[in-house]
mmCIF file of all heavy atoms, coordinates in Angstrom:
data_MODEL
# 
_entry.id   MODEL 
# 
loop_
_atom_site.group_PDB 
_atom_site.id 
_atom_site.type_symbol 
_atom_site.label_atom_id 
_atom_site.label_alt_id 
_atom_site.label_comp_id 
_atom_site.label_asym_id 
_atom_site.label_entity_id 
_atom_site.label_seq_id 
_atom_site.pdbx_PDB_ins_code 
_atom_site.Cartn_x 
_atom_site.Cartn_y 
_atom_site.Cartn_z 
_atom_site.occupancy 
_atom_site.B_iso_or_equiv 
_atom_site.pdbx_formal_charge 
_atom_site.auth_seq_id 
_atom_site.auth_comp_id 
_atom_site.auth_asym_id 
_atom_site.auth_atom_id 
_atom_site.pdbx_PDB_model_num 
ATOM 1   N N   . GLN A 1 1  ? 23.788 10.346 -50.145 1.00 0.00 ? 1  GLN A N   1 
ATOM 2   C CA  . GLN A 1 1  ? 23.978 9.249  -51.053 1.00 0.00 ? 1  GLN A CA  1 
ATOM 3   C C   . GLN A 1 1  ? 25.265 9.363  -51.848 1.00 0.00 ? 1  GLN A C   1 
ATOM 4   O O   . GLN A 1 1  ? 25.999 8.364  -52.006 1.00 0.00 ? 1  GLN A O   1 
ATOM 5   C CB  . GLN A 1 1  ? 22.787 9.199  -52.082 1.00 0.00 ? 1  GLN A CB  1 
ATOM 6   C CG  . GLN A 1 1  ? 22.835 8.003  -53.054 1.00 0.00 ? 1  GLN A CG  1 
ATOM 7   C CD  . GLN A 1 1  ? 21.664 7.972  -53.966 1.00 0.00 ? 1  GLN A CD  1 
ATOM 8   O OE1 . GLN A 1 1  ? 20.639 8.674  -53.787 1.00 0.00 ? 1  GLN A OE1 1 
ATOM 9   N NE2 . GLN A 1 1  ? 21.708 7.120  -54.992 1.00 0.00 ? 1  GLN A NE2 1 
ATOM 10  N N   . SER A 1 2  ? 25.608 10.568 -52.202 1.00 0.00 ? 2  SER A N   1 
ATOM 11  C CA  . SER A 1 2  ? 26.883 10.827 -52.867 1.00 0.00 ? 2  SER A CA  1 
ATOM 12  C C   . SER A 1 2  ? 28.076 10.415 -52.038 1.00 0.00 ? 2  SER A C   1 
ATOM 13  O O   . SER A 1 2  ? 29.001 9.780  -52.465 1.00 0.00 ? 2  SER A O   1 
ATOM 14  C CB  . SER A 1 2  ? 27.015 12.292 -53.333 1.00 0.00 ? 2  SER A CB  1 
ATOM 15  O OG  . SER A 1 2  ? 26.128 12.603 -54.384 1.00 0.00 ? 2  SER A OG  1 
ATOM 16  N N   . PHE A 1 3  ? 28.053 10.871 -50.774 1.00 0.00 ? 3  PHE A N   1 
ATOM 17  C CA  . PHE A 1 3  ? 29.153 10.562 -49.853 1.00 0.00 ? 3  PHE A CA  1 
ATOM 18  C C   . PHE A 1 3  ? 29.246 9.068  -49.521 1.00 0.00 ? 3  PHE A C   1 
ATOM 19  O O   . PHE A 1 3  ? 30.342 8.488  -49.463 1.00 0.00 ? 3  PHE A O   1 
ATOM 20  C CB  . PHE A 1 3  ? 28.995 11.317 -48.587 1.00 0.00 ? 3  PHE A CB  1 
ATOM 21  C CG  . PHE A 1 3  ? 29.389 12.844 -48.684 1.00 0.00 ? 3  PHE A CG  1 
ATOM 22  C CD1 . PHE A 1 3  ? 28.450 13.812 -48.377 1.00 0.00 ? 3  PHE A CD1 1 
ATOM 23  C CD2 . PHE A 1 3  ? 30.635 13.174 -49.107 1.00 0.00 ? 3  PHE A CD2 1 
ATOM 24  C CE1 . PHE A 1 3  ? 28.772 15.145 -48.447 1.00 0.00 ? 3  PHE A CE1 1 
ATOM 25  C CE2 . PHE A 1 3  ? 30.983 14.547 -49.212 1.00 0.00 ? 3  PHE A CE2 1 
ATOM 26  C CZ  . PHE A 1 3  ? 30.034 15.518 -48.898 1.00 0.00 ? 3  PHE A CZ  1 
ATOM 27  N N   . LYS A 1 4  ? 28.065 8.422  -49.463 1.00 0.00 ? 4  LYS A N   1 
ATOM 28  C CA  . LYS A 1 4  ? 28.073 6.958  -49.234 1.00 0.00 ? 4  LYS A CA  1 
ATOM 29  C C   . LYS A 1 4  ? 28.641 6.220  -50.432 1.00 0.00 ? 4  LYS A C   1 
ATOM 30  O O   . LYS A 1 4  ? 29.400 5.260  -50.335 1.00 0.00 ? 4  LYS A O   1 
ATOM 31  C CB  . LYS A 1 4  ? 26.671 6.433  -48.890 1.00 0.00 ? 4  LYS A CB  1 
ATOM 32  C CG  . LYS A 1 4  ? 26.206 6.888  -47.532 1.00 0.00 ? 4  LYS A CG  1 
ATOM 33  C CD  . LYS A 1 4  ? 24.732 6.442  -47.318 1.00 0.00 ? 4  LYS A CD  1 
ATOM 34  C CE  . LYS A 1 4  ? 24.277 6.931  -46.001 1.00 0.00 ? 4  LYS A CE  1 
ATOM 35  N NZ  . LYS A 1 4  ? 22.811 6.603  -45.780 1.00 0.00 ? 4  LYS A NZ  1 
ATOM 36  N N   . MET A 1 5  ? 28.317 6.702  -51.635 1.00 0.00 ? 5  MET A N   1 
ATOM 37  C CA  . MET A 1 5  ? 28.870 6.121  -52.872 1.00 0.00 ? 5  MET A CA  1 
ATOM 38  C C   . MET A 1 5  ? 30.389 6.249  -52.946 1.00 0.00 ? 5  MET A C   1 
ATOM 39  O O   . MET A 1 5  ? 31.067 5.310  -53.284 1.00 0.00 ? 5  MET A O   1 
ATOM 40  C CB  . MET A 1 5  ? 28.279 6.799  -54.093 1.00 0.00 ? 5  MET A CB  1 
ATOM 41  C CG  . MET A 1 5  ? 26.792 6.439  -54.273 1.00 0.00 ? 5  MET A CG  1 
ATOM 42  S SD  . MET A 1 5  ? 25.909 7.472  -55.494 1.00 0.00 ? 5  MET A SD  1 
ATOM 43  C CE  . MET A 1 5  ? 26.848 7.136  -56.991 1.00 0.00 ? 5  MET A CE  1 
ATOM 44  N N   . ALA A 1 6  ? 30.914 7.403  -52.438 1.00 0.00 ? 6  ALA A N   1 
ATOM 45  C CA  . ALA A 1 6  ? 32.343 7.618  -52.425 1.00 0.00 ? 6  ALA A CA  1 
ATOM 46  C C   . ALA A 1 6  ? 33.045 6.696  -51.455 1.00 0.00 ? 6  ALA A C   1 
ATOM 47  O O   . ALA A 1 6  ? 34.056 6.060  -51.707 1.00 0.00 ? 6  ALA A O   1 
ATOM 48  C CB  . ALA A 1 6  ? 32.711 9.063  -52.079 1.00 0.00 ? 6  ALA A CB  1 
ATOM 49  N N   . LEU A 1 7  ? 32.398 6.536  -50.237 1.00 0.00 ? 7  LEU A N   1 
ATOM 50  C CA  . LEU A 1 7  ? 32.984 5.611  -49.277 1.00 0.00 ? 7  LEU A CA  1 
ATOM 51  C C   . LEU A 1 7  ? 33.007 4.194  -49.684 1.00 0.00 ? 7  LEU A C   1 
ATOM 52  O O   . LEU A 1 7  ? 33.890 3.410  -49.368 1.00 0.00 ? 7  LEU A O   1 
ATOM 53  C CB  . LEU A 1 7  ? 32.198 5.710  -47.937 1.00 0.00 ? 7  LEU A CB  1 
ATOM 54  C CG  . LEU A 1 7  ? 32.374 6.993  -47.088 1.00 0.00 ? 7  LEU A CG  1 
ATOM 55  C CD1 . LEU A 1 7  ? 31.419 6.993  -45.953 1.00 0.00 ? 7  LEU A CD1 1 
ATOM 56  C CD2 . LEU A 1 7  ? 33.830 7.092  -46.644 1.00 0.00 ? 7  LEU A CD2 1 
ATOM 57  N N   . ALA A 1 8  ? 31.943 3.782  -50.564 1.00 0.00 ? 8  ALA A N   1 
ATOM 58  C CA  . ALA A 1 8  ? 31.898 2.475  -51.056 1.00 0.00 ? 8  ALA A CA  1 
ATOM 59  C C   . ALA A 1 8  ? 32.696 2.193  -52.332 1.00 0.00 ? 8  ALA A C   1 
ATOM 60  O O   . ALA A 1 8  ? 32.795 1.108  -52.813 1.00 0.00 ? 8  ALA A O   1 
ATOM 61  C CB  . ALA A 1 8  ? 30.382 2.102  -51.393 1.00 0.00 ? 8  ALA A CB  1 
ATOM 62  N N   . GLY A 1 9  ? 33.367 3.266  -52.787 1.00 0.00 ? 9  GLY A N   1 
ATOM 63  C CA  . GLY A 1 9  ? 34.256 3.140  -53.956 1.00 0.00 ? 9  GLY A CA  1 
ATOM 64  C C   . GLY A 1 9  ? 33.459 3.183  -55.272 1.00 0.00 ? 9  GLY A C   1 
ATOM 65  O O   . GLY A 1 9  ? 34.071 2.916  -56.344 1.00 0.00 ? 9  GLY A O   1 
ATOM 66  N N   . ARG A 1 10 ? 32.197 3.524  -55.233 1.00 0.00 ? 10 ARG A N   1 
ATOM 67  C CA  . ARG A 1 10 ? 31.439 3.606  -56.505 1.00 0.00 ? 10 ARG A CA  1 
ATOM 68  C C   . ARG A 1 10 ? 31.688 4.813  -57.296 1.00 0.00 ? 10 ARG A C   1 
ATOM 69  O O   . ARG A 1 10 ? 31.486 4.866  -58.518 1.00 0.00 ? 10 ARG A O   1 
ATOM 70  C CB  . ARG A 1 10 ? 29.944 3.510  -56.136 1.00 0.00 ? 10 ARG A CB  1 
ATOM 71  C CG  . ARG A 1 10 ? 29.485 2.132  -55.656 1.00 0.00 ? 10 ARG A CG  1 
ATOM 72  C CD  . ARG A 1 10 ? 28.082 2.137  -55.140 1.00 0.00 ? 10 ARG A CD  1 
ATOM 73  N NE  . ARG A 1 10 ? 27.211 2.632  -56.149 1.00 0.00 ? 10 ARG A NE  1 
ATOM 74  C CZ  . ARG A 1 10 ? 25.900 3.019  -55.952 1.00 0.00 ? 10 ARG A CZ  1 
ATOM 75  N NH1 . ARG A 1 10 ? 25.464 2.922  -54.670 1.00 0.00 ? 10 ARG A NH1 1 
ATOM 76  N NH2 . ARG A 1 10 ? 25.143 3.406  -56.979 1.00 0.00 ? 10 ARG A NH2 1 
ATOM 77  N N   . VAL A 1 11 ? 32.163 5.917  -56.655 1.00 0.00 ? 11 VAL A N   1 
ATOM 78  C CA  . VAL A 1 11 ? 32.596 7.138  -57.329 1.00 0.00 ? 11 VAL A CA  1 
ATOM 79  C C   . VAL A 1 11 ? 33.899 7.588  -56.682 1.00 0.00 ? 11 VAL A C   1 
ATOM 80  O O   . VAL A 1 11 ? 34.270 7.133  -55.522 1.00 0.00 ? 11 VAL A O   1 
ATOM 81  C CB  . VAL A 1 11 ? 31.604 8.261  -57.193 1.00 0.00 ? 11 VAL A CB  1 
ATOM 82  C CG1 . VAL A 1 11 ? 30.322 7.890  -57.944 1.00 0.00 ? 11 VAL A CG1 1 
ATOM 83  C CG2 . VAL A 1 11 ? 31.317 8.637  -55.808 1.00 0.00 ? 11 VAL A CG2 1 
ATOM 84  N N   . ASP A 1 12 ? 34.698 8.366  -57.422 1.00 0.00 ? 12 ASP A N   1 
ATOM 85  C CA  . ASP A 1 12 ? 35.983 8.762  -56.941 1.00 0.00 ? 12 ASP A CA  1 
ATOM 86  C C   . ASP A 1 12 ? 35.898 10.087 -56.148 1.00 0.00 ? 12 ASP A C   1 
ATOM 87  O O   . ASP A 1 12 ? 36.800 10.360 -55.250 1.00 0.00 ? 12 ASP A O   1 
ATOM 88  C CB  . ASP A 1 12 ? 36.904 9.038  -58.169 1.00 0.00 ? 12 ASP A CB  1 
ATOM 89  C CG  . ASP A 1 12 ? 37.139 7.771  -58.962 1.00 0.00 ? 12 ASP A CG  1 
ATOM 90  O OD1 . ASP A 1 12 ? 37.543 6.720  -58.353 1.00 0.00 ? 12 ASP A OD1 1 
ATOM 91  O OD2 . ASP A 1 12 ? 36.871 7.791  -60.145 1.00 0.00 ? 12 ASP A OD2 1 
ATOM 92  N N   . TYR A 1 13 ? 34.900 10.868 -56.368 1.00 0.00 ? 13 TYR A N   1 
ATOM 93  C CA  . TYR A 1 13 ? 34.850 12.187 -55.657 1.00 0.00 ? 13 TYR A CA  1 
ATOM 94  C C   . TYR A 1 13 ? 33.385 12.635 -55.583 1.00 0.00 ? 13 TYR A C   1 
ATOM 95  O O   . TYR A 1 13 ? 32.536 12.200 -56.342 1.00 0.00 ? 13 TYR A O   1 
ATOM 96  C CB  . TYR A 1 13 ? 35.711 13.209 -56.269 1.00 0.00 ? 13 TYR A CB  1 
ATOM 97  C CG  . TYR A 1 13 ? 35.260 13.656 -57.723 1.00 0.00 ? 13 TYR A CG  1 
ATOM 98  C CD1 . TYR A 1 13 ? 34.375 14.658 -57.945 1.00 0.00 ? 13 TYR A CD1 1 
ATOM 99  C CD2 . TYR A 1 13 ? 35.787 12.959 -58.841 1.00 0.00 ? 13 TYR A CD2 1 
ATOM 100 C CE1 . TYR A 1 13 ? 34.007 14.972 -59.250 1.00 0.00 ? 13 TYR A CE1 1 
ATOM 101 C CE2 . TYR A 1 13 ? 35.332 13.259 -60.136 1.00 0.00 ? 13 TYR A CE2 1 
ATOM 102 C CZ  . TYR A 1 13 ? 34.478 14.302 -60.351 1.00 0.00 ? 13 TYR A CZ  1 
ATOM 103 O OH  . TYR A 1 13 ? 34.055 14.637 -61.637 1.00 0.00 ? 13 TYR A OH  1 
ATOM 104 N N   . VAL A 1 14 ? 33.104 13.603 -54.719 1.00 0.00 ? 14 VAL A N   1 
ATOM 105 C CA  . VAL A 1 14 ? 31.852 14.278 -54.561 1.00 0.00 ? 14 VAL A CA  1 
ATOM 106 C C   . VAL A 1 14 ? 32.000 15.746 -54.803 1.00 0.00 ? 14 VAL A C   1 
ATOM 107 O O   . VAL A 1 14 ? 32.942 16.331 -54.239 1.00 0.00 ? 14 VAL A O   1 
ATOM 108 C CB  . VAL A 1 14 ? 31.236 13.991 -53.183 1.00 0.00 ? 14 VAL A CB  1 
ATOM 109 C CG1 . VAL A 1 14 ? 29.924 14.781 -53.013 1.00 0.00 ? 14 VAL A CG1 1 
ATOM 110 C CG2 . VAL A 1 14 ? 31.010 12.492 -52.922 1.00 0.00 ? 14 VAL A CG2 1 
ATOM 111 N N   . LEU A 1 15 ? 31.162 16.351 -55.588 1.00 0.00 ? 15 LEU A N   1 
ATOM 112 C CA  . LEU A 1 15 ? 31.242 17.797 -55.826 1.00 0.00 ? 15 LEU A CA  1 
ATOM 113 C C   . LEU A 1 15 ? 30.213 18.450 -54.924 1.00 0.00 ? 15 LEU A C   1 
ATOM 114 O O   . LEU A 1 15 ? 29.014 18.112 -54.982 1.00 0.00 ? 15 LEU A O   1 
ATOM 115 C CB  . LEU A 1 15 ? 30.887 18.159 -57.232 1.00 0.00 ? 15 LEU A CB  1 
ATOM 116 C CG  . LEU A 1 15 ? 32.049 18.109 -58.288 1.00 0.00 ? 15 LEU A CG  1 
ATOM 117 C CD1 . LEU A 1 15 ? 31.522 18.480 -59.630 1.00 0.00 ? 15 LEU A CD1 1 
ATOM 118 C CD2 . LEU A 1 15 ? 33.135 19.058 -57.889 1.00 0.00 ? 15 LEU A CD2 1 
ATOM 119 N N   . TYR A 1 16 ? 30.636 19.290 -53.972 1.00 0.00 ? 16 TYR A N   1 
ATOM 120 C CA  . TYR A 1 16 ? 29.762 19.970 -53.032 1.00 0.00 ? 16 TYR A CA  1 
ATOM 121 C C   . TYR A 1 16 ? 30.427 21.130 -52.438 1.00 0.00 ? 16 TYR A C   1 
ATOM 122 O O   . TYR A 1 16 ? 31.684 21.231 -52.350 1.00 0.00 ? 16 TYR A O   1 
ATOM 123 C CB  . TYR A 1 16 ? 29.373 18.936 -51.940 1.00 0.00 ? 16 TYR A CB  1 
ATOM 124 C CG  . TYR A 1 16 ? 28.104 19.265 -51.217 1.00 0.00 ? 16 TYR A CG  1 
ATOM 125 C CD1 . TYR A 1 16 ? 26.895 19.459 -51.913 1.00 0.00 ? 16 TYR A CD1 1 
ATOM 126 C CD2 . TYR A 1 16 ? 28.110 19.258 -49.817 1.00 0.00 ? 16 TYR A CD2 1 
ATOM 127 C CE1 . TYR A 1 16 ? 25.700 19.734 -51.246 1.00 0.00 ? 16 TYR A CE1 1 
ATOM 128 C CE2 . TYR A 1 16 ? 26.884 19.482 -49.174 1.00 0.00 ? 16 TYR A CE2 1 
ATOM 129 C CZ  . TYR A 1 16 ? 25.673 19.731 -49.873 1.00 0.00 ? 16 TYR A CZ  1 
ATOM 130 O OH  . TYR A 1 16 ? 24.534 19.966 -49.233 1.00 0.00 ? 16 TYR A OH  1 
ATOM 131 N N   . GLU A 1 17 ? 29.637 22.150 -52.045 1.00 0.00 ? 17 GLU A N   1 
ATOM 132 C CA  . GLU A 1 17 ? 30.204 23.383 -51.522 1.00 0.00 ? 17 GLU A CA  1 
ATOM 133 C C   . GLU A 1 17 ? 30.995 23.053 -50.246 1.00 0.00 ? 17 GLU A C   1 
ATOM 134 O O   . GLU A 1 17 ? 30.682 22.090 -49.442 1.00 0.00 ? 17 GLU A O   1 
ATOM 135 C CB  . GLU A 1 17 ? 29.082 24.307 -51.125 1.00 0.00 ? 17 GLU A CB  1 
ATOM 136 C CG  . GLU A 1 17 ? 28.451 25.006 -52.368 1.00 0.00 ? 17 GLU A CG  1 
ATOM 137 C CD  . GLU A 1 17 ? 27.401 24.167 -53.034 1.00 0.00 ? 17 GLU A CD  1 
ATOM 138 O OE1 . GLU A 1 17 ? 27.159 23.036 -52.639 1.00 0.00 ? 17 GLU A OE1 1 
ATOM 139 O OE2 . GLU A 1 17 ? 26.873 24.640 -54.096 1.00 0.00 ? 17 GLU A OE2 1 
ATOM 140 N N   . VAL A 1 18 ? 31.991 23.864 -49.995 1.00 0.00 ? 18 VAL A N   1 
ATOM 141 C CA  . VAL A 1 18 ? 32.875 23.668 -48.785 1.00 0.00 ? 18 VAL A CA  1 
ATOM 142 C C   . VAL A 1 18 ? 32.096 23.785 -47.459 1.00 0.00 ? 18 VAL A C   1 
ATOM 143 O O   . VAL A 1 18 ? 32.205 22.923 -46.626 1.00 0.00 ? 18 VAL A O   1 
ATOM 144 C CB  . VAL A 1 18 ? 34.054 24.626 -48.868 1.00 0.00 ? 18 VAL A CB  1 
ATOM 145 C CG1 . VAL A 1 18 ? 34.919 24.473 -47.611 1.00 0.00 ? 18 VAL A CG1 1 
ATOM 146 C CG2 . VAL A 1 18 ? 35.014 24.337 -50.092 1.00 0.00 ? 18 VAL A CG2 1 
ATOM 147 N N   . LEU A 1 19 ? 31.409 24.948 -47.348 1.00 0.00 ? 19 LEU A N   1 
ATOM 148 C CA  . LEU A 1 19 ? 30.616 25.179 -46.118 1.00 0.00 ? 19 LEU A CA  1 
ATOM 149 C C   . LEU A 1 19 ? 29.702 24.007 -45.839 1.00 0.00 ? 19 LEU A C   1 
ATOM 150 O O   . LEU A 1 19 ? 29.649 23.408 -44.716 1.00 0.00 ? 19 LEU A O   1 
ATOM 151 C CB  . LEU A 1 19 ? 29.975 26.514 -46.159 1.00 0.00 ? 19 LEU A CB  1 
ATOM 152 C CG  . LEU A 1 19 ? 28.891 26.800 -45.078 1.00 0.00 ? 19 LEU A CG  1 
ATOM 153 C CD1 . LEU A 1 19 ? 29.654 26.894 -43.754 1.00 0.00 ? 19 LEU A CD1 1 
ATOM 154 C CD2 . LEU A 1 19 ? 28.150 28.098 -45.369 1.00 0.00 ? 19 LEU A CD2 1 
ATOM 155 N N   . GLN A 1 20 ? 28.816 23.708 -46.819 1.00 0.00 ? 20 GLN A N   1 
ATOM 156 C CA  . GLN A 1 20 ? 27.801 22.722 -46.626 1.00 0.00 ? 20 GLN A CA  1 
ATOM 157 C C   . GLN A 1 20 ? 28.397 21.299 -46.406 1.00 0.00 ? 20 GLN A C   1 
ATOM 158 O O   . GLN A 1 20 ? 27.869 20.578 -45.604 1.00 0.00 ? 20 GLN A O   1 
ATOM 159 C CB  . GLN A 1 20 ? 26.808 22.653 -47.780 1.00 0.00 ? 20 GLN A CB  1 
ATOM 160 C CG  . GLN A 1 20 ? 25.832 23.894 -47.819 1.00 0.00 ? 20 GLN A CG  1 
ATOM 161 C CD  . GLN A 1 20 ? 26.534 25.133 -48.453 1.00 0.00 ? 20 GLN A CD  1 
ATOM 162 O OE1 . GLN A 1 20 ? 27.714 25.144 -48.634 1.00 0.00 ? 20 GLN A OE1 1 
ATOM 163 N NE2 . GLN A 1 20 ? 25.710 26.062 -48.737 1.00 0.00 ? 20 GLN A NE2 1 
ATOM 164 N N   . GLY A 1 21 ? 29.467 21.028 -47.132 1.00 0.00 ? 21 GLY A N   1 
ATOM 165 C CA  . GLY A 1 21 ? 30.080 19.682 -46.987 1.00 0.00 ? 21 GLY A CA  1 
ATOM 166 C C   . GLY A 1 21 ? 30.650 19.535 -45.586 1.00 0.00 ? 21 GLY A C   1 
ATOM 167 O O   . GLY A 1 21 ? 30.471 18.442 -44.976 1.00 0.00 ? 21 GLY A O   1 
ATOM 168 N N   . GLN A 1 22 ? 31.347 20.509 -45.038 1.00 0.00 ? 22 GLN A N   1 
ATOM 169 C CA  . GLN A 1 22 ? 31.843 20.474 -43.692 1.00 0.00 ? 22 GLN A CA  1 
ATOM 170 C C   . GLN A 1 22 ? 30.773 20.235 -42.638 1.00 0.00 ? 22 GLN A C   1 
ATOM 171 O O   . GLN A 1 22 ? 30.920 19.386 -41.806 1.00 0.00 ? 22 GLN A O   1 
ATOM 172 C CB  . GLN A 1 22 ? 32.651 21.717 -43.369 1.00 0.00 ? 22 GLN A CB  1 
ATOM 173 C CG  . GLN A 1 22 ? 33.944 21.927 -44.133 1.00 0.00 ? 22 GLN A CG  1 
ATOM 174 C CD  . GLN A 1 22 ? 34.556 23.269 -43.970 1.00 0.00 ? 22 GLN A CD  1 
ATOM 175 O OE1 . GLN A 1 22 ? 33.851 24.211 -43.582 1.00 0.00 ? 22 GLN A OE1 1 
ATOM 176 N NE2 . GLN A 1 22 ? 35.846 23.363 -44.251 1.00 0.00 ? 22 GLN A NE2 1 
ATOM 177 N N   . VAL A 1 23 ? 29.676 20.992 -42.780 1.00 0.00 ? 23 VAL A N   1 
ATOM 178 C CA  . VAL A 1 23 ? 28.551 20.881 -41.853 1.00 0.00 ? 23 VAL A CA  1 
ATOM 179 C C   . VAL A 1 23 ? 27.868 19.548 -42.049 1.00 0.00 ? 23 VAL A C   1 
ATOM 180 O O   . VAL A 1 23 ? 27.562 18.842 -41.025 1.00 0.00 ? 23 VAL A O   1 
ATOM 181 C CB  . VAL A 1 23 ? 27.579 22.031 -42.054 1.00 0.00 ? 23 VAL A CB  1 
ATOM 182 C CG1 . VAL A 1 23 ? 26.345 21.815 -41.255 1.00 0.00 ? 23 VAL A CG1 1 
ATOM 183 C CG2 . VAL A 1 23 ? 28.252 23.320 -41.734 1.00 0.00 ? 23 VAL A CG2 1 
ATOM 184 N N   . LYS A 1 24 ? 27.583 19.115 -43.248 1.00 0.00 ? 24 LYS A N   1 
ATOM 185 C CA  . LYS A 1 24 ? 26.878 17.820 -43.487 1.00 0.00 ? 24 LYS A CA  1 
ATOM 186 C C   . LYS A 1 24 ? 27.688 16.628 -42.970 1.00 0.00 ? 24 LYS A C   1 
ATOM 187 O O   . LYS A 1 24 ? 27.164 15.799 -42.323 1.00 0.00 ? 24 LYS A O   1 
ATOM 188 C CB  . LYS A 1 24 ? 26.590 17.686 -44.931 1.00 0.00 ? 24 LYS A CB  1 
ATOM 189 C CG  . LYS A 1 24 ? 25.858 16.392 -45.360 1.00 0.00 ? 24 LYS A CG  1 
ATOM 190 C CD  . LYS A 1 24 ? 24.427 16.399 -44.852 1.00 0.00 ? 24 LYS A CD  1 
ATOM 191 C CE  . LYS A 1 24 ? 23.483 17.300 -45.667 1.00 0.00 ? 24 LYS A CE  1 
ATOM 192 N NZ  . LYS A 1 24 ? 22.093 17.060 -45.352 1.00 0.00 ? 24 LYS A NZ  1 
ATOM 193 N N   . LEU A 1 25 ? 28.947 16.609 -43.229 1.00 0.00 ? 25 LEU A N   1 
ATOM 194 C CA  . LEU A 1 25 ? 29.792 15.488 -42.883 1.00 0.00 ? 25 LEU A CA  1 
ATOM 195 C C   . LEU A 1 25 ? 29.983 15.441 -41.361 1.00 0.00 ? 25 LEU A C   1 
ATOM 196 O O   . LEU A 1 25 ? 30.064 14.367 -40.779 1.00 0.00 ? 25 LEU A O   1 
ATOM 197 C CB  . LEU A 1 25 ? 31.146 15.582 -43.539 1.00 0.00 ? 25 LEU A CB  1 
ATOM 198 C CG  . LEU A 1 25 ? 31.226 15.321 -45.086 1.00 0.00 ? 25 LEU A CG  1 
ATOM 199 C CD1 . LEU A 1 25 ? 32.524 15.694 -45.667 1.00 0.00 ? 25 LEU A CD1 1 
ATOM 200 C CD2 . LEU A 1 25 ? 30.886 13.844 -45.332 1.00 0.00 ? 25 LEU A CD2 1 
ATOM 201 N N   . ASP A 1 26 ? 30.043 16.611 -40.741 1.00 0.00 ? 26 ASP A N   1 
ATOM 202 C CA  . ASP A 1 26 ? 30.198 16.657 -39.291 1.00 0.00 ? 26 ASP A CA  1 
ATOM 203 C C   . ASP A 1 26 ? 28.907 16.086 -38.638 1.00 0.00 ? 26 ASP A C   1 
ATOM 204 O O   . ASP A 1 26 ? 29.016 15.321 -37.647 1.00 0.00 ? 26 ASP A O   1 
ATOM 205 C CB  . ASP A 1 26 ? 30.456 18.071 -38.733 1.00 0.00 ? 26 ASP A CB  1 
ATOM 206 C CG  . ASP A 1 26 ? 30.654 18.172 -37.318 1.00 0.00 ? 26 ASP A CG  1 
ATOM 207 O OD1 . ASP A 1 26 ? 31.708 17.666 -36.832 1.00 0.00 ? 26 ASP A OD1 1 
ATOM 208 O OD2 . ASP A 1 26 ? 29.808 18.746 -36.594 1.00 0.00 ? 26 ASP A OD2 1 
# 
């Protein structure tokens, strides 16, 4: 939901761990 909000321009950034972010986005 956080990443979708960022793509939609509702937030400017997402705070998330580097490892988990890379894996989740992939």
